[in-house]
Protein backbone atom coordinates (compact mmCIF):
# COMPACT_ATOMS: atom_id res chain seq x y z
CA UNK A 1 -69.10 -15.39 -23.76
CA UNK A 2 -68.91 -16.71 -20.18
CA UNK A 3 -70.61 -19.99 -21.14
CA UNK A 4 -68.44 -23.05 -21.69
CA UNK A 5 -69.20 -26.75 -22.13
CA UNK A 6 -65.92 -27.80 -20.51
CA UNK A 7 -65.50 -27.73 -16.74
CA UNK A 8 -62.24 -26.03 -15.79
CA UNK A 9 -60.81 -27.04 -12.42
CA UNK A 10 -58.55 -24.47 -10.81
CA UNK A 11 -55.06 -25.54 -9.81
CA UNK A 12 -54.47 -26.16 -6.12
CA UNK A 13 -50.68 -26.50 -6.00
CA UNK A 14 -47.76 -24.67 -7.54
CA UNK A 15 -45.18 -27.15 -8.80
CA UNK A 16 -41.53 -26.60 -9.76
CA UNK A 17 -42.42 -27.49 -13.36
CA UNK A 18 -44.99 -24.67 -13.46
CA UNK A 19 -42.39 -22.22 -12.22
CA UNK A 20 -39.74 -23.43 -14.69
CA UNK A 21 -42.03 -23.23 -17.73
CA UNK A 22 -43.93 -20.10 -16.62
CA UNK A 23 -47.29 -21.83 -17.11
CA UNK A 24 -48.46 -20.67 -13.67
CA UNK A 25 -49.07 -17.19 -15.10
CA UNK A 26 -51.99 -18.32 -17.29
CA UNK A 27 -53.53 -20.96 -14.99
CA UNK A 28 -56.40 -20.19 -12.60
CA UNK A 29 -55.62 -21.08 -8.98
CA UNK A 30 -58.07 -22.00 -6.24
CA UNK A 31 -58.19 -19.25 -3.58
CA UNK A 32 -56.87 -20.10 -0.12
CA UNK A 33 -59.22 -20.15 2.88
CA UNK A 34 -57.16 -18.80 5.76
CA UNK A 35 -60.10 -18.84 8.18
CA UNK A 36 -60.61 -22.63 8.06
CA UNK A 37 -59.59 -24.56 11.16
CA UNK A 38 -58.24 -27.68 9.46
CA UNK A 39 -58.06 -31.13 10.96
CA UNK A 40 -57.53 -31.51 14.71
CA UNK A 41 -54.23 -33.16 15.61
CA UNK A 42 -54.32 -36.82 16.50
CA UNK A 43 -54.29 -37.30 20.27
CA UNK A 44 -51.65 -39.37 21.97
CA UNK A 45 -52.05 -42.47 24.10
CA UNK A 46 -51.44 -43.21 27.76
CA UNK A 47 -48.09 -44.61 28.80
CA UNK A 48 -48.32 -48.38 29.48
CA UNK A 49 -47.39 -47.89 33.15
CA UNK A 50 -50.15 -45.32 33.56
CA UNK A 51 -52.61 -47.81 32.09
CA UNK A 52 -51.50 -50.47 34.62
CA UNK A 53 -51.74 -47.97 37.46
CA UNK A 54 -55.28 -46.96 36.51
CA UNK A 55 -56.32 -50.61 36.19
CA UNK A 56 -54.86 -51.43 39.62
CA UNK A 57 -56.56 -48.39 41.11
CA UNK A 58 -59.89 -49.49 39.64
CA UNK A 59 -59.41 -53.02 41.05
CA UNK A 60 -58.67 -51.69 44.54
CA UNK A 61 -61.65 -49.33 44.37
CA UNK A 62 -63.93 -52.22 43.48
CA UNK A 63 -62.51 -54.26 46.39
CA UNK A 64 -63.33 -51.46 48.75
């Protein structure tokens, strides 16, 4: 009875249409993983003046 030839994919999002029609009650949903860390935030960049300052500092250090 648990065997099926069709692969059923669980729903991942609840849409307003599902709520309006009530179809969300009979659909299987994918369980949430609250312990996952997710993607790290994208890091920022140096300010252009800080880049110039570091380049000038490197030049003066190489000059002695």
